[in-house]
Amino acid sequence: MSIAAQKTTYPAIVMPTMEEDAAITAAALSDPDAQPLTDAQLGALVPMKTLRGRPRTDNPKRLVSVRYSPEVITYFKSTGDGWQARMDGVLREYVARQAKSTP
Protein backbone atom coordinates (compact mmCIF):
# COMPACT_ATOMS: atom_id res chain seq x y z
CA MET A 1 0.00 0.00 0.00
CA SER A 2 1.37 3.45 -0.88
CA ILE A 3 2.01 6.07 1.74
CA ALA A 4 -0.71 8.29 0.25
CA ALA A 5 -3.24 5.47 0.56
CA GLN A 6 -2.52 4.84 4.26
CA LYS A 7 -5.15 6.27 6.57
CA THR A 8 -3.99 8.26 9.56
CA THR A 9 -5.94 7.73 12.74
CA TYR A 10 -5.92 10.22 15.55
CA PRO A 11 -6.71 9.49 19.18
CA ALA A 12 -10.13 10.59 20.33
CA ILE A 13 -10.28 13.88 22.22
CA VAL A 14 -11.64 13.32 25.70
CA MET A 15 -13.03 16.44 27.35
CA PRO A 16 -12.65 16.72 31.13
CA THR A 17 -15.68 16.35 33.33
CA MET A 18 -17.01 19.41 35.17
CA GLU A 19 -15.24 18.24 38.35
CA GLU A 20 -11.95 17.67 36.52
CA ASP A 21 -12.25 21.07 34.84
CA ALA A 22 -12.86 22.76 38.22
CA ALA A 23 -9.80 21.00 39.68
CA ILE A 24 -7.63 22.04 36.72
CA THR A 25 -8.83 25.66 36.97
CA ALA A 26 -8.23 25.76 40.75
CA ALA A 27 -4.72 24.37 40.31
CA ALA A 28 -3.94 26.95 37.61
CA LEU A 29 -5.25 29.83 39.74
CA SER A 30 -3.17 28.71 42.73
CA ASP A 31 0.06 28.97 40.70
CA PRO A 32 1.56 32.45 41.36
CA ASP A 33 3.54 32.30 38.11
CA ALA A 34 0.47 31.61 35.96
CA GLN A 35 -2.09 34.19 37.00
CA PRO A 36 -4.80 35.29 34.54
CA LEU A 37 -4.12 38.49 32.62
CA THR A 38 -5.73 41.68 33.89
CA ASP A 39 -8.13 43.68 31.73
CA ALA A 40 -5.36 46.26 31.16
CA GLN A 41 -2.95 43.52 30.01
CA LEU A 42 -5.56 42.02 27.71
CA GLY A 43 -6.26 45.46 26.24
CA ALA A 44 -2.55 46.02 25.52
CA LEU A 45 -2.19 42.82 23.51
CA VAL A 46 -1.45 43.25 19.81
CA PRO A 47 -2.42 40.57 17.30
CA MET A 48 0.66 38.70 16.06
CA LYS A 49 -0.43 39.36 12.49
CA THR A 50 0.31 43.08 12.91
CA LEU A 51 3.83 42.43 14.20
CA ARG A 52 4.99 40.19 11.38
CA GLY A 53 7.05 41.34 8.41
CA ARG A 54 8.58 44.70 7.72
CA PRO A 55 7.00 47.84 9.13
CA ARG A 56 4.70 49.66 6.74
CA THR A 57 6.19 52.73 5.13
CA ASP A 58 4.61 55.95 3.91
CA ASN A 59 6.59 55.68 0.67
CA PRO A 60 6.60 52.02 -0.38
CA LYS A 61 8.88 50.87 -3.18
CA ARG A 62 7.34 49.64 -6.41
CA LEU A 63 8.12 46.44 -8.23
CA VAL A 64 9.25 47.06 -11.80
CA SER A 65 11.02 45.06 -14.46
CA VAL A 66 14.13 46.81 -15.78
CA ARG A 67 16.94 45.61 -18.04
CA TYR A 68 20.52 46.63 -17.15
CA SER A 69 23.75 45.87 -18.94
CA PRO A 70 25.61 42.80 -17.66
CA GLU A 71 28.53 44.95 -16.48
CA VAL A 72 26.26 47.00 -14.21
CA ILE A 73 24.63 43.91 -12.69
CA THR A 74 27.99 42.16 -12.25
CA TYR A 75 29.46 45.20 -10.50
CA PHE A 76 26.61 45.68 -8.06
CA LYS A 77 26.31 41.95 -7.29
CA SER A 78 30.06 41.85 -6.60
CA THR A 79 29.50 44.35 -3.76
CA GLY A 80 27.66 41.64 -1.80
CA ASP A 81 24.31 41.41 -0.05
CA GLY A 82 22.21 44.54 -0.36
CA TRP A 83 23.37 45.26 -3.91
CA GLN A 84 19.86 46.18 -5.02
CA ALA A 85 19.55 48.71 -2.20
CA ARG A 86 22.93 50.20 -3.18
CA MET A 87 21.78 50.43 -6.80
CA ASP A 88 18.64 52.22 -5.55
CA GLY A 89 20.86 54.63 -3.58
CA VAL A 90 22.97 55.46 -6.64
CA LEU A 91 19.84 56.14 -8.68
CA ARG A 92 18.36 58.29 -5.90
CA GLU A 93 21.57 60.37 -5.75
CA TYR A 94 21.38 60.85 -9.52
CA VAL A 95 17.76 61.98 -9.30
CA ALA A 96 18.61 64.42 -6.49
CA ARG A 97 21.51 65.93 -8.50
CA GLN A 98 19.32 66.27 -11.58
CA ALA A 99 16.57 67.94 -9.56
CA LYS A 100 19.07 70.53 -8.21
CA SER A 101 20.48 71.31 -11.64
CA THR A 102 17.07 71.68 -13.33
CA PRO A 103 15.69 75.22 -12.99
PDB file of N, CA and C in Angstrom:
ATOM      1  N   MET A   1       0.850  -1.184   0.000  1.00  0.00           N
ATOM      2  CA  MET A   1       0.000   0.000   0.000  1.00  0.00           C
ATOM      3  C   MET A   1       0.890   1.240   0.000  1.00  0.00           C
ATOM      4  N   SER A   2       0.562   2.234  -0.805  1.00  0.00           N
ATOM      5  CA  SER A   2       1.375   3.446  -0.878  1.00  0.00           C
ATOM      6  C   SER A   2       1.159   4.301   0.364  1.00  0.00           C
ATOM      7  N   ILE A   3       2.107   5.187   0.577  1.00  0.00           N
ATOM      8  CA  ILE A   3       2.014   6.075   1.743  1.00  0.00           C
ATOM      9  C   ILE A   3       0.778   6.956   1.641  1.00  0.00           C
ATOM     10  N   ALA A   4       0.466   7.427   0.441  1.00  0.00           N
ATOM     11  CA  ALA A   4      -0.706   8.294   0.255  1.00  0.00           C
ATOM     12  C   ALA A   4      -2.003   7.558   0.550  1.00  0.00           C
ATOM     13  N   ALA A   5      -2.014   6.234   0.357  1.00  0.00           N
ATOM     14  CA  ALA A   5      -3.238   5.466   0.560  1.00  0.00           C
ATOM     15  C   ALA A   5      -3.432   5.079   2.023  1.00  0.00           C
ATOM     16  N   GLN A   6      -2.383   5.208   2.850  1.00  0.00           N
ATOM     17  CA  GLN A   6      -2.524   4.844   4.257  1.00  0.00           C
ATOM     18  C   GLN A   6      -3.411   5.864   4.959  1.00  0.00           C
ATOM     19  N   LYS A   7      -4.237   5.390   5.849  1.00  0.00           N
ATOM     20  CA  LYS A   7      -5.152   6.268   6.570  1.00  0.00           C
ATOM     21  C   LYS A   7      -4.542   6.587   7.930  1.00  0.00           C
ATOM     22  N   THR A   8      -4.518   7.841   8.275  1.00  0.00           N
ATOM     23  CA  THR A   8      -3.993   8.258   9.564  1.00  0.00           C
ATOM     24  C   THR A   8      -5.141   8.297  10.561  1.00  0.00           C
ATOM     25  N   THR A   9      -4.914   7.681  11.697  1.00  0.00           N
ATOM     26  CA  THR A   9      -5.938   7.725  12.743  1.00  0.00           C
ATOM     27  C   THR A   9      -5.411   8.554  13.902  1.00  0.00           C
ATOM     28  N   TYR A  10      -6.268   9.367  14.431  1.00  0.00           N
ATOM     29  CA  TYR A  10      -5.921  10.223  15.549  1.00  0.00           C
ATOM     30  C   TYR A  10      -6.639   9.734  16.793  1.00  0.00           C
ATOM     31  N   PRO A  11      -6.015   9.899  17.956  1.00  0.00           N
ATOM     32  CA  PRO A  11      -6.708   9.488  19.178  1.00  0.00           C
ATOM     33  C   PRO A  11      -7.925  10.385  19.416  1.00  0.00           C
ATOM     34  N   ALA A  12      -8.920   9.831  20.024  1.00  0.00           N
ATOM     35  CA  ALA A  12     -10.131  10.592  20.326  1.00  0.00           C
ATOM     36  C   ALA A  12      -9.820  11.656  21.376  1.00  0.00           C
ATOM     37  N   ILE A  13     -10.446  12.809  21.239  1.00  0.00           N
ATOM     38  CA  ILE A  13     -10.283  13.878  22.218  1.00  0.00           C
ATOM     39  C   ILE A  13     -11.287  13.642  23.323  1.00  0.00           C
ATOM     40  N   VAL A  14     -10.777  13.547  24.547  1.00  0.00           N
ATOM     41  CA  VAL A  14     -11.643  13.317  25.701  1.00  0.00           C
ATOM     42  C   VAL A  14     -11.686  14.612  26.510  1.00  0.00           C
ATOM     43  N   MET A  15     -12.853  15.205  26.587  1.00  0.00           N
ATOM     44  CA  MET A  15     -13.027  16.439  27.352  1.00  0.00           C
ATOM     45  C   MET A  15     -13.119  16.112  28.835  1.00  0.00           C
ATOM     46  N   PRO A  16     -12.562  16.977  29.694  1.00  0.00           N
ATOM     47  CA  PRO A  16     -12.653  16.715  31.133  1.00  0.00           C
ATOM     48  C   PRO A  16     -14.088  16.882  31.635  1.00  0.00           C
ATOM     49  N   THR A  17     -14.358  16.194  32.708  1.00  0.00           N
ATOM     50  CA  THR A  17     -15.677  16.353  33.334  1.00  0.00           C
ATOM     51  C   THR A  17     -15.706  17.714  34.016  1.00  0.00           C
ATOM     52  N   MET A  18     -16.881  18.117  34.480  1.00  0.00           N
ATOM     53  CA  MET A  18     -17.008  19.406  35.172  1.00  0.00           C
ATOM     54  C   MET A  18     -16.127  19.435  36.416  1.00  0.00           C
ATOM     55  N   GLU A  19     -16.059  18.309  37.143  1.00  0.00           N
ATOM     56  CA  GLU A  19     -15.241  18.242  38.354  1.00  0.00           C
ATOM     57  C   GLU A  19     -13.759  18.335  37.999  1.00  0.00           C
ATOM     58  N   GLU A  20     -13.345  17.613  36.944  1.00  0.00           N
ATOM     59  CA  GLU A  20     -11.947  17.667  36.524  1.00  0.00           C
ATOM     60  C   GLU A  20     -11.578  19.080  36.049  1.00  0.00           C
ATOM     61  N   ASP A  21     -12.498  19.712  35.324  1.00  0.00           N
ATOM     62  CA  ASP A  21     -12.253  21.067  34.845  1.00  0.00           C
ATOM     63  C   ASP A  21     -12.110  22.031  36.014  1.00  0.00           C
ATOM     64  N   ALA A  22     -12.938  21.899  37.026  1.00  0.00           N
ATOM     65  CA  ALA A  22     -12.856  22.762  38.215  1.00  0.00           C
ATOM     66  C   ALA A  22     -11.526  22.549  38.927  1.00  0.00           C
ATOM     67  N   ALA A  23     -11.074  21.298  39.021  1.00  0.00           N
ATOM     68  CA  ALA A  23      -9.798  21.000  39.680  1.00  0.00           C
ATOM     69  C   ALA A  23      -8.635  21.593  38.888  1.00  0.00           C
ATOM     70  N   ILE A  24      -8.686  21.485  37.574  1.00  0.00           N
ATOM     71  CA  ILE A  24      -7.629  22.042  36.724  1.00  0.00           C
ATOM     72  C   ILE A  24      -7.591  23.558  36.868  1.00  0.00           C
ATOM     73  N   THR A  25      -8.750  24.205  36.841  1.00  0.00           N
ATOM     74  CA  THR A  25      -8.831  25.657  36.973  1.00  0.00           C
ATOM     75  C   THR A  25      -8.313  26.106  38.332  1.00  0.00           C
ATOM     76  N   ALA A  26      -8.694  25.406  39.403  1.00  0.00           N
ATOM     77  CA  ALA A  26      -8.227  25.758  40.748  1.00  0.00           C
ATOM     78  C   ALA A  26      -6.715  25.623  40.848  1.00  0.00           C
ATOM     79  N   ALA A  27      -6.166  24.567  40.275  1.00  0.00           N
ATOM     80  CA  ALA A  27      -4.717  24.369  40.309  1.00  0.00           C
ATOM     81  C   ALA A  27      -4.001  25.484  39.544  1.00  0.00           C
ATOM     82  N   ALA A  28      -4.551  25.884  38.401  1.00  0.00           N
ATOM     83  CA  ALA A  28      -3.935  26.950  37.612  1.00  0.00           C
ATOM     84  C   ALA A  28      -3.988  28.279  38.355  1.00  0.00           C
ATOM     85  N   LEU A  29      -5.111  28.568  38.999  1.00  0.00           N
ATOM     86  CA  LEU A  29      -5.249  29.829  39.736  1.00  0.00           C
ATOM     87  C   LEU A  29      -4.358  29.887  40.969  1.00  0.00           C
ATOM     88  N   SER A  30      -4.005  28.727  41.534  1.00  0.00           N
ATOM     89  CA  SER A  30      -3.168  28.710  42.728  1.00  0.00           C
ATOM     90  C   SER A  30      -1.685  28.890  42.390  1.00  0.00           C
ATOM     91  N   ASP A  31      -1.329  28.809  41.118  1.00  0.00           N
ATOM     92  CA  ASP A  31       0.063  28.968  40.700  1.00  0.00           C
ATOM     93  C   ASP A  31       0.371  30.456  40.569  1.00  0.00           C
ATOM     94  N   PRO A  32       1.270  31.013  41.411  1.00  0.00           N
ATOM     95  CA  PRO A  32       1.555  32.451  41.359  1.00  0.00           C
ATOM     96  C   PRO A  32       2.233  32.885  40.056  1.00  0.00           C
ATOM     97  N   ASP A  33       2.857  31.956  39.362  1.00  0.00           N
ATOM     98  CA  ASP A  33       3.535  32.301  38.111  1.00  0.00           C
ATOM     99  C   ASP A  33       2.613  32.215  36.893  1.00  0.00           C
ATOM    100  N   ALA A  34       1.382  31.783  37.084  1.00  0.00           N
ATOM    101  CA  ALA A  34       0.467  31.605  35.955  1.00  0.00           C
ATOM    102  C   ALA A  34      -0.882  32.245  36.251  1.00  0.00           C
ATOM    103  N   GLN A  35      -0.854  33.494  36.689  1.00  0.00           N
ATOM    104  CA  GLN A  35      -2.095  34.194  37.001  1.00  0.00           C
ATOM    105  C   GLN A  35      -2.757  34.696  35.722  1.00  0.00           C
ATOM    106  N   PRO A  36      -4.094  34.779  35.728  1.00  0.00           N
ATOM    107  CA  PRO A  36      -4.796  35.287  34.544  1.00  0.00           C
ATOM    108  C   PRO A  36      -4.383  36.729  34.255  1.00  0.00           C
ATOM    109  N   LEU A  37      -4.457  37.126  32.996  1.00  0.00           N
ATOM    110  CA  LEU A  37      -4.123  38.489  32.616  1.00  0.00           C
ATOM    111  C   LEU A  37      -5.202  39.443  33.097  1.00  0.00           C
ATOM    112  N   THR A  38      -4.771  40.654  33.464  1.00  0.00           N
ATOM    113  CA  THR A  38      -5.730  41.677  33.886  1.00  0.00           C
ATOM    114  C   THR A  38      -6.394  42.267  32.642  1.00  0.00           C
ATOM    115  N   ASP A  39      -7.453  43.024  32.850  1.00  0.00           N
ATOM    116  CA  ASP A  39      -8.131  43.677  31.728  1.00  0.00           C
ATOM    117  C   ASP A  39      -7.180  44.633  31.008  1.00  0.00           C
ATOM    118  N   ALA A  40      -6.320  45.336  31.769  1.00  0.00           N
ATOM    119  CA  ALA A  40      -5.356  46.256  31.163  1.00  0.00           C
ATOM    120  C   ALA A  40      -4.355  45.492  30.294  1.00  0.00           C
ATOM    121  N   GLN A  41      -3.886  44.331  30.791  1.00  0.00           N
ATOM    122  CA  GLN A  41      -2.946  43.525  30.009  1.00  0.00           C
ATOM    123  C   GLN A  41      -3.606  42.981  28.746  1.00  0.00           C
ATOM    124  N   LEU A  42      -4.833  42.532  28.876  1.00  0.00           N
ATOM    125  CA  LEU A  42      -5.556  42.021  27.710  1.00  0.00           C
ATOM    126  C   LEU A  42      -5.763  43.124  26.670  1.00  0.00           C
ATOM    127  N   GLY A  43      -6.042  44.335  27.144  1.00  0.00           N
ATOM    128  CA  GLY A  43      -6.255  45.459  26.241  1.00  0.00           C
ATOM    129  C   GLY A  43      -4.991  45.882  25.513  1.00  0.00           C
ATOM    130  N   ALA A  44      -3.830  45.625  26.125  1.00  0.00           N
ATOM    131  CA  ALA A  44      -2.554  46.023  25.519  1.00  0.00           C
ATOM    132  C   ALA A  44      -2.027  45.001  24.520  1.00  0.00           C
ATOM    133  N   LEU A  45      -2.655  43.839  24.434  1.00  0.00           N
ATOM    134  CA  LEU A  45      -2.189  42.817  23.505  1.00  0.00           C
ATOM    135  C   LEU A  45      -2.376  43.270  22.062  1.00  0.00           C
ATOM    136  N   VAL A  46      -1.411  42.919  21.227  1.00  0.00           N
ATOM    137  CA  VAL A  46      -1.454  43.254  19.812  1.00  0.00           C
ATOM    138  C   VAL A  46      -1.478  41.948  19.031  1.00  0.00           C
ATOM    139  N   PRO A  47      -2.393  41.811  18.080  1.00  0.00           N
ATOM    140  CA  PRO A  47      -2.419  40.566  17.300  1.00  0.00           C
ATOM    141  C   PRO A  47      -1.077  40.316  16.622  1.00  0.00           C
ATOM    142  N   MET A  48      -0.626  39.070  16.640  1.00  0.00           N
ATOM    143  CA  MET A  48       0.655  38.705  16.063  1.00  0.00           C
ATOM    144  C   MET A  48       0.734  39.082  14.586  1.00  0.00           C
ATOM    145  N   LYS A  49      -0.391  39.044  13.915  1.00  0.00           N
ATOM    146  CA  LYS A  49      -0.429  39.355  12.493  1.00  0.00           C
ATOM    147  C   LYS A  49       0.098  40.764  12.219  1.00  0.00           C
ATOM    148  N   THR A  50      -0.135  41.708  13.136  1.00  0.00           N
ATOM    149  CA  THR A  50       0.309  43.082  12.915  1.00  0.00           C
ATOM    150  C   THR A  50       1.791  43.257  13.190  1.00  0.00           C
ATOM    151  N   LEU A  51       2.422  42.306  13.873  1.00  0.00           N
ATOM    152  CA  LEU A  51       3.828  42.433  14.204  1.00  0.00           C
ATOM    153  C   LEU A  51       4.735  41.752  13.191  1.00  0.00           C
ATOM    154  N   ARG A  52       4.180  40.963  12.300  1.00  0.00           N
ATOM    155  CA  ARG A  52       4.992  40.192  11.375  1.00  0.00           C
ATOM    156  C   ARG A  52       5.409  41.020  10.169  1.00  0.00           C
ATOM    157  N   GLY A  53       6.569  40.691   9.628  1.00  0.00           N
ATOM    158  CA  GLY A  53       7.047  41.337   8.413  1.00  0.00           C
ATOM    159  C   GLY A  53       7.668  42.692   8.682  1.00  0.00           C
ATOM    160  N   ARG A  54       7.974  43.372   7.610  1.00  0.00           N
ATOM    161  CA  ARG A  54       8.583  44.698   7.721  1.00  0.00           C
ATOM    162  C   ARG A  54       7.529  45.729   8.104  1.00  0.00           C
ATOM    163  N   PRO A  55       7.957  46.776   8.797  1.00  0.00           N
ATOM    164  CA  PRO A  55       7.001  47.839   9.135  1.00  0.00           C
ATOM    165  C   PRO A  55       6.497  48.521   7.858  1.00  0.00           C
ATOM    166  N   ARG A  56       5.267  48.950   7.883  1.00  0.00           N
ATOM    167  CA  ARG A  56       4.700  49.657   6.739  1.00  0.00           C
ATOM    168  C   ARG A  56       5.393  51.007   6.609  1.00  0.00           C
ATOM    169  N   THR A  57       5.551  51.444   5.375  1.00  0.00           N
ATOM    170  CA  THR A  57       6.192  52.726   5.127  1.00  0.00           C
ATOM    171  C   THR A  57       5.228  53.665   4.409  1.00  0.00           C
ATOM    172  N   ASP A  58       5.451  54.962   4.580  1.00  0.00           N
ATOM    173  CA  ASP A  58       4.611  55.950   3.912  1.00  0.00           C
ATOM    174  C   ASP A  58       4.941  56.039   2.425  1.00  0.00           C
ATOM    175  N   ASN A  59       6.152  55.596   2.059  1.00  0.00           N
ATOM    176  CA  ASN A  59       6.594  55.683   0.671  1.00  0.00           C
ATOM    177  C   ASN A  59       7.085  54.308   0.216  1.00  0.00           C
ATOM    178  N   PRO A  60       6.169  53.372  -0.032  1.00  0.00           N
ATOM    179  CA  PRO A  60       6.598  52.019  -0.382  1.00  0.00           C
ATOM    180  C   PRO A  60       7.266  51.969  -1.754  1.00  0.00           C
ATOM    181  N   LYS A  61       8.220  51.054  -1.894  1.00  0.00           N
ATOM    182  CA  LYS A  61       8.881  50.868  -3.179  1.00  0.00           C
ATOM    183  C   LYS A  61       7.939  50.123  -4.113  1.00  0.00           C
ATOM    184  N   ARG A  62       8.181  50.284  -5.405  1.00  0.00           N
ATOM    185  CA  ARG A  62       7.345  49.641  -6.408  1.00  0.00           C
ATOM    186  C   ARG A  62       8.144  48.588  -7.144  1.00  0.00           C
ATOM    187  N   LEU A  63       7.492  47.505  -7.475  1.00  0.00           N
ATOM    188  CA  LEU A  63       8.118  46.439  -8.226  1.00  0.00           C
ATOM    189  C   LEU A  63       8.034  46.765  -9.709  1.00  0.00           C
ATOM    190  N   VAL A  64       9.201  46.808 -10.362  1.00  0.00           N
ATOM    191  CA  VAL A  64       9.247  47.057 -11.801  1.00  0.00           C
ATOM    192  C   VAL A  64      10.215  46.066 -12.432  1.00  0.00           C
ATOM    193  N   SER A  65      10.097  45.909 -13.719  1.00  0.00           N
ATOM    194  CA  SER A  65      11.024  45.059 -14.464  1.00  0.00           C
ATOM    195  C   SER A  65      11.882  45.978 -15.323  1.00  0.00           C
ATOM    196  N   VAL A  66      13.200  45.930 -15.088  1.00  0.00           N
ATOM    197  CA  VAL A  66      14.131  46.812 -15.783  1.00  0.00           C
ATOM    198  C   VAL A  66      15.281  45.971 -16.315  1.00  0.00           C
ATOM    199  N   ARG A  67      15.786  46.318 -17.471  1.00  0.00           N
ATOM    200  CA  ARG A  67      16.942  45.613 -18.036  1.00  0.00           C
ATOM    201  C   ARG A  67      18.175  46.501 -17.898  1.00  0.00           C
ATOM    202  N   TYR A  68      19.242  45.935 -17.308  1.00  0.00           N
ATOM    203  CA  TYR A  68      20.517  46.630 -17.154  1.00  0.00           C
ATOM    204  C   TYR A  68      21.586  45.855 -17.904  1.00  0.00           C
ATOM    205  N   SER A  69      22.655  46.540 -18.251  1.00  0.00           N
ATOM    206  CA  SER A  69      23.747  45.866 -18.940  1.00  0.00           C
ATOM    207  C   SER A  69      24.407  44.883 -17.975  1.00  0.00           C
ATOM    208  N   PRO A  70      24.979  43.806 -18.515  1.00  0.00           N
ATOM    209  CA  PRO A  70      25.610  42.798 -17.661  1.00  0.00           C
ATOM    210  C   PRO A  70      26.708  43.374 -16.771  1.00  0.00           C
ATOM    211  N   GLU A  71      27.440  44.363 -17.278  1.00  0.00           N
ATOM    212  CA  GLU A  71      28.525  44.955 -16.481  1.00  0.00           C
ATOM    213  C   GLU A  71      27.983  45.626 -15.220  1.00  0.00           C
ATOM    214  N   VAL A  72      26.859  46.311 -15.357  1.00  0.00           N
ATOM    215  CA  VAL A  72      26.255  47.002 -14.214  1.00  0.00           C
ATOM    216  C   VAL A  72      25.797  45.978 -13.173  1.00  0.00           C
ATOM    217  N   ILE A  73      25.105  44.943 -13.607  1.00  0.00           N
ATOM    218  CA  ILE A  73      24.628  43.911 -12.688  1.00  0.00           C
ATOM    219  C   ILE A  73      25.805  43.207 -12.021  1.00  0.00           C
ATOM    220  N   THR A  74      26.822  42.849 -12.807  1.00  0.00           N
ATOM    221  CA  THR A  74      27.995  42.162 -12.250  1.00  0.00           C
ATOM    222  C   THR A  74      28.670  43.018 -11.193  1.00  0.00           C
ATOM    223  N   TYR A  75      28.816  44.314 -11.478  1.00  0.00           N
ATOM    224  CA  TYR A  75      29.464  45.197 -10.505  1.00  0.00           C
ATOM    225  C   TYR A  75      28.677  45.249  -9.193  1.00  0.00           C
ATOM    226  N   PHE A  76      27.390  45.540  -9.289  1.00  0.00           N
ATOM    227  CA  PHE A  76      26.606  45.685  -8.064  1.00  0.00           C
ATOM    228  C   PHE A  76      26.507  44.371  -7.296  1.00  0.00           C
ATOM    229  N   LYS A  77      26.359  43.245  -7.983  1.00  0.00           N
ATOM    230  CA  LYS A  77      26.314  41.949  -7.295  1.00  0.00           C
ATOM    231  C   LYS A  77      27.636  41.648  -6.609  1.00  0.00           C
ATOM    232  N   SER A  78      28.748  42.115  -7.191  1.00  0.00           N
ATOM    233  CA  SER A  78      30.059  41.855  -6.596  1.00  0.00           C
ATOM    234  C   SER A  78      30.246  42.609  -5.282  1.00  0.00           C
ATOM    235  N   THR A  79      29.394  43.597  -5.013  1.00  0.00           N
ATOM    236  CA  THR A  79      29.504  44.354  -3.762  1.00  0.00           C
ATOM    237  C   THR A  79      28.847  43.616  -2.594  1.00  0.00           C
ATOM    238  N   GLY A  80      28.217  42.469  -2.869  1.00  0.00           N
ATOM    239  CA  GLY A  80      27.661  41.639  -1.800  1.00  0.00           C
ATOM    240  C   GLY A  80      26.182  41.867  -1.551  1.00  0.00           C
ATOM    241  N   ASP A  81      25.724  41.282  -0.416  1.00  0.00           N
ATOM    242  CA  ASP A  81      24.312  41.408  -0.050  1.00  0.00           C
ATOM    243  C   ASP A  81      23.916  42.872   0.041  1.00  0.00           C
ATOM    244  N   GLY A  82      22.706  43.166  -0.375  1.00  0.00           N
ATOM    245  CA  GLY A  82      22.205  44.536  -0.361  1.00  0.00           C
ATOM    246  C   GLY A  82      22.536  45.294  -1.632  1.00  0.00           C
ATOM    247  N   TRP A  83      22.969  44.583  -2.675  1.00  0.00           N
ATOM    248  CA  TRP A  83      23.366  45.255  -3.911  1.00  0.00           C
ATOM    249  C   TRP A  83      22.212  46.003  -4.549  1.00  0.00           C
ATOM    250  N   GLN A  84      21.003  45.490  -4.419  1.00  0.00           N
ATOM    251  CA  GLN A  84      19.861  46.181  -5.017  1.00  0.00           C
ATOM    252  C   GLN A  84      19.580  47.496  -4.282  1.00  0.00           C
ATOM    253  N   ALA A  85      19.747  47.486  -2.968  1.00  0.00           N
ATOM    254  CA  ALA A  85      19.551  48.714  -2.201  1.00  0.00           C
ATOM    255  C   ALA A  85      20.630  49.738  -2.563  1.00  0.00           C
ATOM    256  N   ARG A  86      21.870  49.276  -2.770  1.00  0.00           N
ATOM    257  CA  ARG A  86      22.932  50.198  -3.177  1.00  0.00           C
ATOM    258  C   ARG A  86      22.642  50.776  -4.564  1.00  0.00           C
ATOM    259  N   MET A  87      22.137  49.944  -5.463  1.00  0.00           N
ATOM    260  CA  MET A  87      21.776  50.426  -6.795  1.00  0.00           C
ATOM    261  C   MET A  87      20.682  51.492  -6.666  1.00  0.00           C
ATOM    262  N   ASP A  88      19.710  51.249  -5.793  1.00  0.00           N
ATOM    263  CA  ASP A  88      18.644  52.225  -5.551  1.00  0.00           C
ATOM    264  C   ASP A  88      19.237  53.525  -5.026  1.00  0.00           C
ATOM    265  N   GLY A  89      20.216  53.428  -4.128  1.00  0.00           N
ATOM    266  CA  GLY A  89      20.861  54.626  -3.576  1.00  0.00           C
ATOM    267  C   GLY A  89      21.565  55.446  -4.644  1.00  0.00           C
ATOM    268  N   VAL A  90      22.276  54.764  -5.553  1.00  0.00           N
ATOM    269  CA  VAL A  90      22.965  55.462  -6.637  1.00  0.00           C
ATOM    270  C   VAL A  90      21.952  56.187  -7.525  1.00  0.00           C
ATOM    271  N   LEU A  91      20.864  55.511  -7.842  1.00  0.00           N
ATOM    272  CA  LEU A  91      19.837  56.140  -8.682  1.00  0.00           C
ATOM    273  C   LEU A  91      19.178  57.318  -7.963  1.00  0.00           C
ATOM    274  N   ARG A  92      18.962  57.186  -6.661  1.00  0.00           N
ATOM    275  CA  ARG A  92      18.365  58.290  -5.902  1.00  0.00           C
ATOM    276  C   ARG A  92      19.293  59.511  -5.887  1.00  0.00           C
ATOM    277  N   GLU A  93      20.602  59.258  -5.717  1.00  0.00           N
ATOM    278  CA  GLU A  93      21.566  60.369  -5.753  1.00  0.00           C
ATOM    279  C   GLU A  93      21.523  61.064  -7.113  1.00  0.00           C
ATOM    280  N   TYR A  94      21.455  60.286  -8.174  1.00  0.00           N
ATOM    281  CA  TYR A  94      21.385  60.851  -9.522  1.00  0.00           C
ATOM    282  C   TYR A  94      20.142  61.730  -9.671  1.00  0.00           C
ATOM    283  N   VAL A  95      19.007  61.217  -9.216  1.00  0.00           N
ATOM    284  CA  VAL A  95      17.761  61.985  -9.303  1.00  0.00           C
ATOM    285  C   VAL A  95      17.871  63.278  -8.504  1.00  0.00           C
ATOM    286  N   ALA A  96      18.464  63.224  -7.321  1.00  0.00           N
ATOM    287  CA  ALA A  96      18.606  64.425  -6.489  1.00  0.00           C
ATOM    288  C   ALA A  96      19.501  65.455  -7.181  1.00  0.00           C
ATOM    289  N   ARG A  97      20.614  65.011  -7.775  1.00  0.00           N
ATOM    290  CA  ARG A  97      21.505  65.932  -8.499  1.00  0.00           C
ATOM    291  C   ARG A  97      20.794  66.563  -9.688  1.00  0.00           C
ATOM    292  N   GLN A  98      20.043  65.746 -10.416  1.00  0.00           N
ATOM    293  CA  GLN A  98      19.315  66.269 -11.581  1.00  0.00           C
ATOM    294  C   GLN A  98      18.268  67.291 -11.154  1.00  0.00           C
ATOM    295  N   ALA A  99      17.603  67.025 -10.035  1.00  0.00           N
ATOM    296  CA  ALA A  99      16.569  67.942  -9.560  1.00  0.00           C
ATOM    297  C   ALA A  99      17.176  69.285  -9.161  1.00  0.00           C
ATOM    298  N   LYS A 100      18.404  69.276  -8.607  1.00  0.00           N
ATOM    299  CA  LYS A 100      19.074  70.528  -8.211  1.00  0.00           C
ATOM    300  C   LYS A 100      19.513  71.325  -9.434  1.00  0.00           C
ATOM    301  N   SER A 101      19.957  70.619 -10.472  1.00  0.00           N
ATOM    302  CA  SER A 101      20.484  71.311 -11.645  1.00  0.00           C
ATOM    303  C   SER A 101      19.398  71.781 -12.606  1.00  0.00           C
ATOM    304  N   THR A 102      18.181  71.278 -12.458  1.00  0.00           N
ATOM    305  CA  THR A 102      17.073  71.681 -13.327  1.00  0.00           C
ATOM    306  C   THR A 102      16.396  72.911 -12.725  1.00  0.00           C
ATOM    307  N   PRO A 103      16.313  73.988 -13.525  1.00  0.00           N
ATOM    308  CA  PRO A 103      15.689  75.224 -12.988  1.00  0.00           C
ATOM    309  C   PRO A 103      14.214  75.108 -12.766  1.00  0.00           C
TER     310      PRO A 103
END
